[in-house]
Amino acid sequence: MLSLPSALTSAIGVFAPVFSRHVWQHVKVLMTGAVLAPGQWTITAILRMMGRSAAPDFQTYHRVLNRAVWSPLKASRLLLRLLVAVFIPRGVVIFGLDDTIERRRGEQIKGVRVATAQKTGFWRPVY
């Protein structure tokens, strides 16, 4: 069983509801290793950092990402809330989003909006 410092436990414990109890044990190892591993953040590098490169359940950690049932969207929302709470405890948050990696064009892209006139304050879709 992995014993973690209380500061790290409280930081990554936010994500526990996203995973089942069994998968959460593996996620804790992966998240701790990601914090400690220099350079590449591959599953193999993380497991080496955690001293589990020769563990018999090595492939189980890879399955966390490709077979385990969990919601990346739910985890990303929790991460965003955590980052905002830590770095911007109060005040206005302004996000700039970049959609240049989108390969589609035209009206099939839903939700892409750009402010067209700051004085009037209205928004219109720009494709």
N, C-alpha and C. Protein backbone atom coordinates (compact mmCIF):
# COMPACT_ATOMS: atom_id res chain seq x y z
N MET A 1 0.84 -1.18 0.00
CA MET A 1 0.00 0.00 0.00
C MET A 1 0.88 1.24 0.00
N LEU A 2 0.49 2.24 -0.78
CA LEU A 2 1.26 3.46 -0.95
C LEU A 2 0.96 4.43 0.18
N SER A 3 1.99 4.89 0.87
CA SER A 3 1.83 5.86 1.94
C SER A 3 2.31 7.22 1.41
N LEU A 4 1.42 8.20 1.40
CA LEU A 4 1.73 9.50 0.82
C LEU A 4 1.70 10.60 1.88
N PRO A 5 2.47 11.67 1.67
CA PRO A 5 2.38 12.82 2.57
C PRO A 5 0.98 13.43 2.51
N SER A 6 0.57 14.07 3.59
CA SER A 6 -0.79 14.60 3.66
C SER A 6 -1.04 15.69 2.61
N ALA A 7 -0.04 16.50 2.29
CA ALA A 7 -0.23 17.55 1.28
C ALA A 7 -0.54 16.94 -0.10
N LEU A 8 0.18 15.90 -0.45
CA LEU A 8 -0.07 15.24 -1.74
C LEU A 8 -1.39 14.48 -1.72
N THR A 9 -1.69 13.84 -0.59
CA THR A 9 -2.94 13.11 -0.47
C THR A 9 -4.14 14.02 -0.64
N SER A 10 -4.08 15.20 -0.04
CA SER A 10 -5.21 16.13 -0.17
C SER A 10 -5.32 16.68 -1.59
N ALA A 11 -4.19 16.87 -2.26
CA ALA A 11 -4.22 17.41 -3.63
C ALA A 11 -4.78 16.39 -4.62
N ILE A 12 -4.32 15.15 -4.55
CA ILE A 12 -4.80 14.17 -5.51
C ILE A 12 -6.08 13.49 -5.06
N GLY A 13 -6.41 13.61 -3.78
CA GLY A 13 -7.64 13.02 -3.26
C GLY A 13 -8.89 13.60 -3.86
N VAL A 14 -8.77 14.79 -4.44
CA VAL A 14 -9.91 15.43 -5.10
C VAL A 14 -10.43 14.56 -6.24
N PHE A 15 -9.55 13.79 -6.86
CA PHE A 15 -9.90 13.00 -8.03
C PHE A 15 -10.44 11.61 -7.69
N ALA A 16 -10.45 11.24 -6.43
CA ALA A 16 -10.89 9.90 -6.03
C ALA A 16 -12.31 9.55 -6.48
N PRO A 17 -13.29 10.47 -6.43
CA PRO A 17 -14.64 10.11 -6.86
C PRO A 17 -14.77 9.74 -8.34
N VAL A 18 -13.78 10.09 -9.15
CA VAL A 18 -13.83 9.81 -10.58
C VAL A 18 -13.57 8.33 -10.86
N PHE A 19 -12.84 7.67 -9.97
CA PHE A 19 -12.39 6.30 -10.20
C PHE A 19 -13.05 5.33 -9.22
N SER A 20 -13.09 4.07 -9.60
CA SER A 20 -13.55 3.04 -8.66
C SER A 20 -12.47 2.85 -7.59
N ARG A 21 -12.82 2.21 -6.50
CA ARG A 21 -11.88 2.03 -5.40
C ARG A 21 -10.65 1.22 -5.84
N HIS A 22 -10.87 0.19 -6.65
CA HIS A 22 -9.77 -0.65 -7.13
C HIS A 22 -8.83 0.14 -8.05
N VAL A 23 -9.39 0.87 -8.99
CA VAL A 23 -8.58 1.63 -9.95
C VAL A 23 -7.87 2.79 -9.24
N TRP A 24 -8.50 3.36 -8.21
CA TRP A 24 -7.92 4.49 -7.49
C TRP A 24 -6.56 4.14 -6.90
N GLN A 25 -6.38 2.90 -6.47
CA GLN A 25 -5.08 2.49 -5.92
C GLN A 25 -3.97 2.61 -6.96
N HIS A 26 -4.28 2.31 -8.20
CA HIS A 26 -3.30 2.43 -9.28
C HIS A 26 -3.12 3.89 -9.69
N VAL A 27 -4.19 4.65 -9.68
CA VAL A 27 -4.13 6.06 -10.07
C VAL A 27 -3.25 6.84 -9.09
N LYS A 28 -3.34 6.52 -7.81
CA LYS A 28 -2.49 7.20 -6.82
C LYS A 28 -1.01 7.01 -7.13
N VAL A 29 -0.64 5.80 -7.52
CA VAL A 29 0.76 5.53 -7.87
C VAL A 29 1.14 6.33 -9.11
N LEU A 30 0.26 6.34 -10.12
CA LEU A 30 0.57 7.06 -11.36
C LEU A 30 0.67 8.56 -11.14
N MET A 31 -0.23 9.12 -10.35
CA MET A 31 -0.20 10.57 -10.12
C MET A 31 1.02 10.97 -9.28
N THR A 32 1.37 10.18 -8.31
CA THR A 32 2.55 10.46 -7.50
C THR A 32 3.81 10.35 -8.35
N GLY A 33 3.89 9.33 -9.16
CA GLY A 33 5.04 9.17 -10.05
C GLY A 33 5.14 10.28 -11.08
N ALA A 34 4.00 10.79 -11.54
CA ALA A 34 4.01 11.89 -12.51
C ALA A 34 4.58 13.16 -11.88
N VAL A 35 4.33 13.34 -10.60
CA VAL A 35 4.90 14.50 -9.90
C VAL A 35 6.41 14.33 -9.75
N LEU A 36 6.85 13.12 -9.49
CA LEU A 36 8.26 12.87 -9.20
C LEU A 36 9.13 12.60 -10.43
N ALA A 37 8.54 12.09 -11.51
CA ALA A 37 9.32 11.65 -12.67
C ALA A 37 9.84 12.84 -13.47
N PRO A 38 11.14 12.90 -13.69
CA PRO A 38 11.69 13.96 -14.54
C PRO A 38 11.54 13.58 -16.01
N GLY A 39 11.48 14.57 -16.86
CA GLY A 39 11.45 14.29 -18.30
C GLY A 39 10.13 13.75 -18.77
N GLN A 40 10.18 12.60 -19.42
CA GLN A 40 8.97 12.02 -20.01
C GLN A 40 8.01 11.53 -18.95
N TRP A 41 6.72 11.74 -19.22
CA TRP A 41 5.68 11.27 -18.32
C TRP A 41 4.96 10.08 -18.94
N THR A 42 5.71 9.09 -19.31
CA THR A 42 5.10 7.87 -19.81
C THR A 42 4.78 6.98 -18.61
N ILE A 43 3.88 6.04 -18.81
CA ILE A 43 3.53 5.11 -17.74
C ILE A 43 4.78 4.34 -17.30
N THR A 44 5.60 3.94 -18.25
CA THR A 44 6.80 3.19 -17.93
C THR A 44 7.77 4.02 -17.10
N ALA A 45 7.99 5.28 -17.48
CA ALA A 45 8.89 6.16 -16.72
C ALA A 45 8.35 6.40 -15.31
N ILE A 46 7.05 6.57 -15.21
CA ILE A 46 6.43 6.80 -13.90
C ILE A 46 6.60 5.57 -13.01
N LEU A 47 6.37 4.38 -13.56
CA LEU A 47 6.51 3.16 -12.77
C LEU A 47 7.96 2.90 -12.37
N ARG A 48 8.90 3.25 -13.24
CA ARG A 48 10.31 3.14 -12.86
C ARG A 48 10.62 4.06 -11.68
N MET A 49 10.11 5.29 -11.73
CA MET A 49 10.34 6.25 -10.66
C MET A 49 9.76 5.74 -9.35
N MET A 50 8.65 5.05 -9.42
CA MET A 50 7.99 4.55 -8.21
C MET A 50 8.54 3.19 -7.78
N GLY A 51 9.53 2.66 -8.52
CA GLY A 51 10.14 1.39 -8.15
C GLY A 51 9.28 0.19 -8.48
N ARG A 52 8.41 0.31 -9.47
CA ARG A 52 7.51 -0.79 -9.82
C ARG A 52 7.73 -1.31 -11.23
N SER A 53 8.92 -1.09 -11.76
CA SER A 53 9.17 -1.53 -13.13
C SER A 53 9.20 -3.05 -13.25
N ALA A 54 9.49 -3.75 -12.17
CA ALA A 54 9.52 -5.22 -12.21
C ALA A 54 8.30 -5.84 -11.54
N ALA A 55 7.31 -5.03 -11.23
CA ALA A 55 6.11 -5.54 -10.56
C ALA A 55 5.35 -6.48 -11.48
N PRO A 56 4.75 -7.54 -10.95
CA PRO A 56 4.02 -8.48 -11.80
C PRO A 56 2.74 -7.88 -12.40
N ASP A 57 2.21 -6.83 -11.79
CA ASP A 57 0.99 -6.20 -12.31
C ASP A 57 1.31 -4.93 -13.12
N PHE A 58 2.47 -4.93 -13.75
CA PHE A 58 2.95 -3.78 -14.52
C PHE A 58 1.93 -3.34 -15.57
N GLN A 59 1.34 -4.28 -16.29
CA GLN A 59 0.39 -3.94 -17.37
C GLN A 59 -0.90 -3.35 -16.83
N THR A 60 -1.21 -3.60 -15.57
CA THR A 60 -2.45 -3.08 -14.98
C THR A 60 -2.46 -1.56 -14.98
N TYR A 61 -1.30 -0.96 -14.79
CA TYR A 61 -1.21 0.50 -14.77
C TYR A 61 -1.49 1.09 -16.15
N HIS A 62 -1.09 0.38 -17.20
CA HIS A 62 -1.41 0.82 -18.56
C HIS A 62 -2.92 0.74 -18.81
N ARG A 63 -3.56 -0.22 -18.22
CA ARG A 63 -5.00 -0.40 -18.42
C ARG A 63 -5.83 0.69 -17.76
N VAL A 64 -5.26 1.40 -16.81
CA VAL A 64 -5.99 2.51 -16.18
C VAL A 64 -6.42 3.51 -17.25
N LEU A 65 -5.55 3.76 -18.21
CA LEU A 65 -5.87 4.75 -19.23
C LEU A 65 -6.68 4.21 -20.38
N ASN A 66 -6.55 2.93 -20.72
CA ASN A 66 -7.25 2.47 -21.91
C ASN A 66 -8.41 1.51 -21.66
N ARG A 67 -8.57 0.99 -20.43
CA ARG A 67 -9.67 0.05 -20.20
C ARG A 67 -10.54 0.40 -19.00
N ALA A 68 -9.97 1.05 -18.02
CA ALA A 68 -10.74 1.36 -16.81
C ALA A 68 -11.86 2.34 -17.14
N VAL A 69 -12.97 2.21 -16.44
CA VAL A 69 -14.11 3.09 -16.66
C VAL A 69 -13.96 4.32 -15.77
N TRP A 70 -13.73 5.46 -16.40
CA TRP A 70 -13.66 6.73 -15.70
C TRP A 70 -13.91 7.84 -16.71
N SER A 71 -14.22 9.00 -16.23
CA SER A 71 -14.58 10.10 -17.11
C SER A 71 -13.47 11.15 -17.14
N PRO A 72 -12.75 11.27 -18.25
CA PRO A 72 -11.74 12.32 -18.37
C PRO A 72 -12.36 13.72 -18.27
N LEU A 73 -13.61 13.88 -18.74
CA LEU A 73 -14.28 15.16 -18.64
C LEU A 73 -14.52 15.54 -17.18
N LYS A 74 -14.97 14.59 -16.39
CA LYS A 74 -15.19 14.84 -14.97
C LYS A 74 -13.87 15.17 -14.26
N ALA A 75 -12.82 14.44 -14.61
CA ALA A 75 -11.50 14.70 -14.02
C ALA A 75 -10.98 16.07 -14.42
N SER A 76 -11.19 16.47 -15.67
CA SER A 76 -10.71 17.78 -16.11
C SER A 76 -11.47 18.91 -15.43
N ARG A 77 -12.75 18.71 -15.17
CA ARG A 77 -13.52 19.72 -14.43
C ARG A 77 -13.00 19.87 -13.00
N LEU A 78 -12.70 18.74 -12.37
CA LEU A 78 -12.14 18.79 -11.02
C LEU A 78 -10.78 19.48 -11.02
N LEU A 79 -9.96 19.20 -12.03
CA LEU A 79 -8.65 19.83 -12.13
C LEU A 79 -8.79 21.34 -12.33
N LEU A 80 -9.70 21.75 -13.18
CA LEU A 80 -9.92 23.17 -13.40
C LEU A 80 -10.36 23.87 -12.12
N ARG A 81 -11.29 23.27 -11.40
CA ARG A 81 -11.74 23.85 -10.13
C ARG A 81 -10.59 23.94 -9.13
N LEU A 82 -9.76 22.92 -9.08
CA LEU A 82 -8.62 22.91 -8.17
C LEU A 82 -7.62 24.01 -8.53
N LEU A 83 -7.31 24.15 -9.81
CA LEU A 83 -6.38 25.18 -10.25
C LEU A 83 -6.91 26.59 -9.98
N VAL A 84 -8.19 26.80 -10.24
CA VAL A 84 -8.77 28.12 -9.97
C VAL A 84 -8.77 28.41 -8.48
N ALA A 85 -9.09 27.42 -7.66
CA ALA A 85 -9.11 27.63 -6.20
C ALA A 85 -7.71 27.93 -5.66
N VAL A 86 -6.70 27.32 -6.25
CA VAL A 86 -5.33 27.53 -5.76
C VAL A 86 -4.74 28.84 -6.27
N PHE A 87 -4.87 29.09 -7.56
CA PHE A 87 -4.18 30.24 -8.15
C PHE A 87 -5.01 31.51 -8.19
N ILE A 88 -6.32 31.39 -8.18
CA ILE A 88 -7.18 32.56 -8.24
C ILE A 88 -8.30 32.38 -7.23
N PRO A 89 -8.00 32.57 -5.93
CA PRO A 89 -9.03 32.31 -4.91
C PRO A 89 -10.25 33.21 -5.03
N ARG A 90 -10.07 34.41 -5.53
CA ARG A 90 -11.23 35.28 -5.74
C ARG A 90 -10.90 36.23 -6.89
N GLY A 91 -11.93 36.74 -7.50
CA GLY A 91 -11.73 37.65 -8.61
C GLY A 91 -12.25 37.08 -9.91
N VAL A 92 -11.93 37.76 -10.97
CA VAL A 92 -12.42 37.41 -12.30
C VAL A 92 -11.39 36.51 -12.98
N VAL A 93 -11.89 35.49 -13.66
CA VAL A 93 -11.03 34.59 -14.42
C VAL A 93 -11.37 34.75 -15.89
N ILE A 94 -10.37 35.02 -16.70
CA ILE A 94 -10.57 35.15 -18.14
C ILE A 94 -9.72 34.08 -18.81
N PHE A 95 -10.36 33.26 -19.63
CA PHE A 95 -9.66 32.19 -20.34
C PHE A 95 -9.57 32.54 -21.81
N GLY A 96 -8.43 32.30 -22.38
CA GLY A 96 -8.26 32.40 -23.82
C GLY A 96 -8.15 31.00 -24.39
N LEU A 97 -9.03 30.65 -25.30
CA LEU A 97 -9.04 29.30 -25.86
C LEU A 97 -8.55 29.35 -27.30
N ASP A 98 -7.83 28.35 -27.69
CA ASP A 98 -7.27 28.26 -29.03
C ASP A 98 -7.86 27.04 -29.72
N ASP A 99 -8.56 27.26 -30.81
CA ASP A 99 -9.17 26.15 -31.53
C ASP A 99 -8.48 25.91 -32.87
N THR A 100 -7.22 26.30 -32.99
CA THR A 100 -6.54 26.17 -34.27
C THR A 100 -6.24 24.72 -34.64
N ILE A 101 -6.34 23.79 -33.69
CA ILE A 101 -6.10 22.39 -34.05
C ILE A 101 -7.34 21.73 -34.64
N GLU A 102 -8.45 22.44 -34.62
CA GLU A 102 -9.69 21.91 -35.20
C GLU A 102 -9.52 21.77 -36.70
N ARG A 103 -9.83 20.61 -37.23
CA ARG A 103 -9.65 20.36 -38.66
C ARG A 103 -10.90 20.62 -39.47
N ARG A 104 -12.04 20.70 -38.79
CA ARG A 104 -13.28 20.94 -39.53
C ARG A 104 -13.45 22.43 -39.77
N ARG A 105 -14.25 22.77 -40.75
CA ARG A 105 -14.53 24.16 -41.08
C ARG A 105 -16.04 24.33 -41.19
N GLY A 106 -16.50 25.54 -41.04
CA GLY A 106 -17.89 25.85 -41.30
C GLY A 106 -18.79 25.65 -40.11
N GLU A 107 -20.06 25.49 -40.38
CA GLU A 107 -21.08 25.47 -39.34
C GLU A 107 -21.13 24.19 -38.53
N GLN A 108 -20.38 23.13 -38.94
CA GLN A 108 -20.41 21.92 -38.13
C GLN A 108 -19.63 22.08 -36.82
N ILE A 109 -18.87 23.16 -36.68
CA ILE A 109 -18.16 23.44 -35.43
C ILE A 109 -19.12 24.23 -34.55
N LYS A 110 -19.56 23.61 -33.49
CA LYS A 110 -20.53 24.24 -32.59
C LYS A 110 -19.80 24.92 -31.45
N GLY A 111 -20.26 26.09 -31.08
CA GLY A 111 -19.77 26.75 -29.89
C GLY A 111 -18.54 27.61 -30.09
N VAL A 112 -18.04 27.73 -31.32
CA VAL A 112 -16.89 28.60 -31.55
C VAL A 112 -17.42 30.01 -31.73
N ARG A 113 -17.08 30.87 -30.81
CA ARG A 113 -17.57 32.23 -30.88
C ARG A 113 -16.44 33.21 -30.60
N VAL A 114 -16.50 34.35 -31.23
CA VAL A 114 -15.50 35.38 -31.06
C VAL A 114 -16.23 36.70 -30.85
N ALA A 115 -15.76 37.51 -29.92
CA ALA A 115 -16.35 38.83 -29.72
C ALA A 115 -16.02 39.69 -30.92
N THR A 116 -17.03 40.25 -31.55
CA THR A 116 -16.80 41.02 -32.76
C THR A 116 -16.76 42.52 -32.51
N ALA A 117 -17.40 42.97 -31.48
CA ALA A 117 -17.40 44.41 -31.20
C ALA A 117 -17.38 44.61 -29.69
N GLN A 118 -16.30 45.17 -29.19
CA GLN A 118 -16.21 45.35 -27.75
C GLN A 118 -17.16 46.42 -27.24
N LYS A 119 -17.40 47.45 -28.02
CA LYS A 119 -18.29 48.53 -27.57
C LYS A 119 -19.73 48.05 -27.44
N THR A 120 -20.19 47.28 -28.41
CA THR A 120 -21.57 46.81 -28.36
C THR A 120 -21.71 45.60 -27.45
N GLY A 121 -20.65 44.82 -27.32
CA GLY A 121 -20.67 43.68 -26.41
C GLY A 121 -21.45 42.47 -26.93
N PHE A 122 -21.80 42.42 -28.19
CA PHE A 122 -22.55 41.26 -28.67
C PHE A 122 -21.57 40.23 -29.23
N TRP A 123 -22.04 38.99 -29.28
CA TRP A 123 -21.23 37.89 -29.77
C TRP A 123 -21.89 37.32 -31.01
N ARG A 124 -21.09 36.94 -31.97
CA ARG A 124 -21.64 36.25 -33.12
C ARG A 124 -20.68 35.14 -33.51
N PRO A 125 -21.24 34.04 -34.04
CA PRO A 125 -20.35 32.94 -34.43
C PRO A 125 -19.47 33.35 -35.61
N VAL A 126 -18.20 32.98 -35.54
CA VAL A 126 -17.27 33.24 -36.63
C VAL A 126 -16.71 31.90 -37.05
N TYR A 127 -16.88 31.54 -38.33
CA TYR A 127 -16.41 30.22 -38.80
C TYR A 127 -15.23 30.38 -39.71
